[in-house]
Amino acid sequence: MAARTANVTARVEPEIKEQAEAVMAKLGIPVSTAINMFYREIILWNGLPFRPSVPVNEPKARDELTKEEFDQRMAVGLAQAKDGMYTPAGKVYERLMGELGDD
């Protein structure tokens, strides 16, 4: 007996669609399988499988900051560095490569 299926139609921005499909292709997951997985997660969690929210401190590019905002952020960073609240770049790189699986 053939599996029964239903169609899902959704409008998404073309660039978002392309980017998401590129990721799924790297994972070897067809779009229909990814959507099915998403729907199953909704059922499992009885809601969205993530918390929709707006970031508290939305990151801004340098040219989006006022001089005062930039200076304040630099002052915080300098104080953190002086207090030893930093991780050497090599350690950060090692951690990122470990998380990425050294691909």
C-alpha atoms as a PDB file:
ATOM      1  CA  MET A   1       0.000   0.000   0.000  1.00  0.00           C
ATOM      2  CA  ALA A   2       1.424   3.380  -0.985  1.00  0.00           C
ATOM      3  CA  ALA A   3       1.937   5.986   1.714  1.00  0.00           C
ATOM      4  CA  ARG A   4      -0.649   8.726   1.707  1.00  0.00           C
ATOM      5  CA  THR A   5       0.631  12.279   1.449  1.00  0.00           C
ATOM      6  CA  ALA A   6      -0.768  15.799   1.507  1.00  0.00           C
ATOM      7  CA  ASN A   7       0.605  18.892  -0.183  1.00  0.00           C
ATOM      8  CA  VAL A   8       1.855  21.934   1.724  1.00  0.00           C
ATOM      9  CA  THR A   9       2.018  25.284  -0.048  1.00  0.00           C
ATOM     10  CA  ALA A  10       3.939  28.149   1.515  1.00  0.00           C
ATOM     11  CA  ARG A  11       5.276  31.465   0.291  1.00  0.00           C
ATOM     12  CA  VAL A  12       8.860  32.184   1.297  1.00  0.00           C
ATOM     13  CA  GLU A  13      11.417  34.725   0.196  1.00  0.00           C
ATOM     14  CA  PRO A  14      13.448  33.326  -2.731  1.00  0.00           C
ATOM     15  CA  GLU A  15      16.812  33.992  -1.057  1.00  0.00           C
ATOM     16  CA  ILE A  16      15.718  32.287   2.166  1.00  0.00           C
ATOM     17  CA  LYS A  17      14.422  29.312   0.180  1.00  0.00           C
ATOM     18  CA  GLU A  18      17.708  28.974  -1.728  1.00  0.00           C
ATOM     19  CA  GLN A  19      19.823  29.213   1.407  1.00  0.00           C
ATOM     20  CA  ALA A  20      17.723  26.692   3.320  1.00  0.00           C
ATOM     21  CA  GLU A  21      17.666  24.258   0.404  1.00  0.00           C
ATOM     22  CA  ALA A  22      21.450  24.545   0.070  1.00  0.00           C
ATOM     23  CA  VAL A  23      21.839  23.550   3.728  1.00  0.00           C
ATOM     24  CA  MET A  24      19.404  20.663   3.327  1.00  0.00           C
ATOM     25  CA  ALA A  25      21.277  19.496   0.223  1.00  0.00           C
ATOM     26  CA  LYS A  26      24.533  19.427   2.224  1.00  0.00           C
ATOM     27  CA  LEU A  27      22.738  17.339   4.826  1.00  0.00           C
ATOM     28  CA  GLY A  28      21.271  15.075   2.173  1.00  0.00           C
ATOM     29  CA  ILE A  29      17.731  15.826   3.337  1.00  0.00           C
ATOM     30  CA  PRO A  30      15.024  16.438   0.734  1.00  0.00           C
ATOM     31  CA  VAL A  31      12.853  19.498   1.373  1.00  0.00           C
ATOM     32  CA  SER A  32       9.754  17.351   1.855  1.00  0.00           C
ATOM     33  CA  THR A  33      11.564  15.313   4.523  1.00  0.00           C
ATOM     34  CA  ALA A  34      12.689  18.492   6.315  1.00  0.00           C
ATOM     35  CA  ILE A  35       9.129  19.827   6.335  1.00  0.00           C
ATOM     36  CA  ASN A  36       7.854  16.477   7.595  1.00  0.00           C
ATOM     37  CA  MET A  37      10.496  16.588  10.372  1.00  0.00           C
ATOM     38  CA  PHE A  38       9.421  20.125  11.284  1.00  0.00           C
ATOM     39  CA  TYR A  39       5.765  19.107  11.492  1.00  0.00           C
ATOM     40  CA  ARG A  40       6.663  16.084  13.644  1.00  0.00           C
ATOM     41  CA  GLU A  41       8.575  18.351  16.041  1.00  0.00           C
ATOM     42  CA  ILE A  42       5.537  20.640  16.281  1.00  0.00           C
ATOM     43  CA  ILE A  43       3.434  17.616  17.243  1.00  0.00           C
ATOM     44  CA  LEU A  44       6.060  16.340  19.697  1.00  0.00           C
ATOM     45  CA  TRP A  45       6.393  19.700  21.484  1.00  0.00           C
ATOM     46  CA  ASN A  46       2.736  20.663  21.043  1.00  0.00           C
ATOM     47  CA  GLY A  47       3.957  23.948  19.597  1.00  0.00           C
ATOM     48  CA  LEU A  48       6.905  25.338  17.719  1.00  0.00           C
ATOM     49  CA  PRO A  49      10.146  23.447  18.419  1.00  0.00           C
ATOM     50  CA  PHE A  50      11.880  26.751  19.172  1.00  0.00           C
ATOM     51  CA  ARG A  51      10.968  29.882  21.059  1.00  0.00           C
ATOM     52  CA  PRO A  52      10.104  32.742  18.705  1.00  0.00           C
ATOM     53  CA  SER A  53      11.611  35.869  20.187  1.00  0.00           C
ATOM     54  CA  VAL A  54      13.320  39.113  19.378  1.00  0.00           C
ATOM     55  CA  PRO A  55      16.972  39.239  20.488  1.00  0.00           C
ATOM     56  CA  VAL A  56      17.378  41.416  23.580  1.00  0.00           C
ATOM     57  CA  ASN A  57      20.532  43.030  22.239  1.00  0.00           C
ATOM     58  CA  GLU A  58      20.130  42.828  18.504  1.00  0.00           C
ATOM     59  CA  PRO A  59      23.618  42.944  16.971  1.00  0.00           C
ATOM     60  CA  LYS A  60      24.390  46.065  14.975  1.00  0.00           C
ATOM     61  CA  ALA A  61      27.051  46.749  12.382  1.00  0.00           C
ATOM     62  CA  ARG A  62      29.611  49.440  13.222  1.00  0.00           C
ATOM     63  CA  ASP A  63      28.015  51.939  10.858  1.00  0.00           C
ATOM     64  CA  GLU A  64      24.645  51.449  12.602  1.00  0.00           C
ATOM     65  CA  LEU A  65      26.027  52.544  15.986  1.00  0.00           C
ATOM     66  CA  THR A  66      26.183  56.112  17.174  1.00  0.00           C
ATOM     67  CA  LYS A  67      29.570  57.332  18.395  1.00  0.00           C
ATOM     68  CA  GLU A  68      28.286  57.089  21.990  1.00  0.00           C
ATOM     69  CA  GLU A  69      27.061  53.484  21.524  1.00  0.00           C
ATOM     70  CA  PHE A  70      30.356  52.483  19.934  1.00  0.00           C
ATOM     71  CA  ASP A  71      32.427  54.152  22.652  1.00  0.00           C
ATOM     72  CA  GLN A  72      30.310  52.511  25.376  1.00  0.00           C
ATOM     73  CA  ARG A  73      30.728  49.048  23.829  1.00  0.00           C
ATOM     74  CA  MET A  74      34.478  49.579  23.461  1.00  0.00           C
ATOM     75  CA  ALA A  75      34.706  50.683  27.103  1.00  0.00           C
ATOM     76  CA  VAL A  76      32.903  47.517  28.220  1.00  0.00           C
ATOM     77  CA  GLY A  77      35.201  45.369  26.073  1.00  0.00           C
ATOM     78  CA  LEU A  78      38.318  47.098  27.415  1.00  0.00           C
ATOM     79  CA  ALA A  79      37.157  46.633  31.004  1.00  0.00           C
ATOM     80  CA  GLN A  80      36.477  42.942  30.336  1.00  0.00           C
ATOM     81  CA  ALA A  81      39.928  42.498  28.792  1.00  0.00           C
ATOM     82  CA  LYS A  82      41.576  44.202  31.759  1.00  0.00           C
ATOM     83  CA  ASP A  83      39.667  41.884  34.109  1.00  0.00           C
ATOM     84  CA  GLY A  84      40.914  38.832  32.208  1.00  0.00           C
ATOM     85  CA  MET A  85      37.492  38.083  30.754  1.00  0.00           C
ATOM     86  CA  TYR A  86      38.696  36.900  27.368  1.00  0.00           C
ATOM     87  CA  THR A  87      39.543  33.766  25.438  1.00  0.00           C
ATOM     88  CA  PRO A  88      42.619  33.659  23.208  1.00  0.00           C
ATOM     89  CA  ALA A  89      41.774  33.512  19.496  1.00  0.00           C
ATOM     90  CA  GLY A  90      43.493  30.132  19.127  1.00  0.00           C
ATOM     91  CA  LYS A  91      41.231  28.590  21.769  1.00  0.00           C
ATOM     92  CA  VAL A  92      38.127  30.036  20.113  1.00  0.00           C
ATOM     93  CA  TYR A  93      39.274  28.639  16.768  1.00  0.00           C
ATOM     94  CA  GLU A  94      39.880  25.189  18.279  1.00  0.00           C
ATOM     95  CA  ARG A  95      36.453  25.191  19.897  1.00  0.00           C
ATOM     96  CA  LEU A  96      34.720  26.252  16.669  1.00  0.00           C
ATOM     97  CA  MET A  97      36.556  23.623  14.646  1.00  0.00           C
ATOM     98  CA  GLY A  98      35.589  20.996  17.205  1.00  0.00           C
ATOM     99  CA  GLU A  99      31.939  22.026  16.974  1.00  0.00           C
ATOM    100  CA  LEU A 100      32.103  21.893  13.179  1.00  0.00           C
ATOM    101  CA  GLY A 101      33.616  18.415  13.239  1.00  0.00           C
ATOM    102  CA  ASP A 102      36.879  19.489  11.550  1.00  0.00           C
ATOM    103  CA  ASP A 103      35.271  19.363   8.094  1.00  0.00           C
END
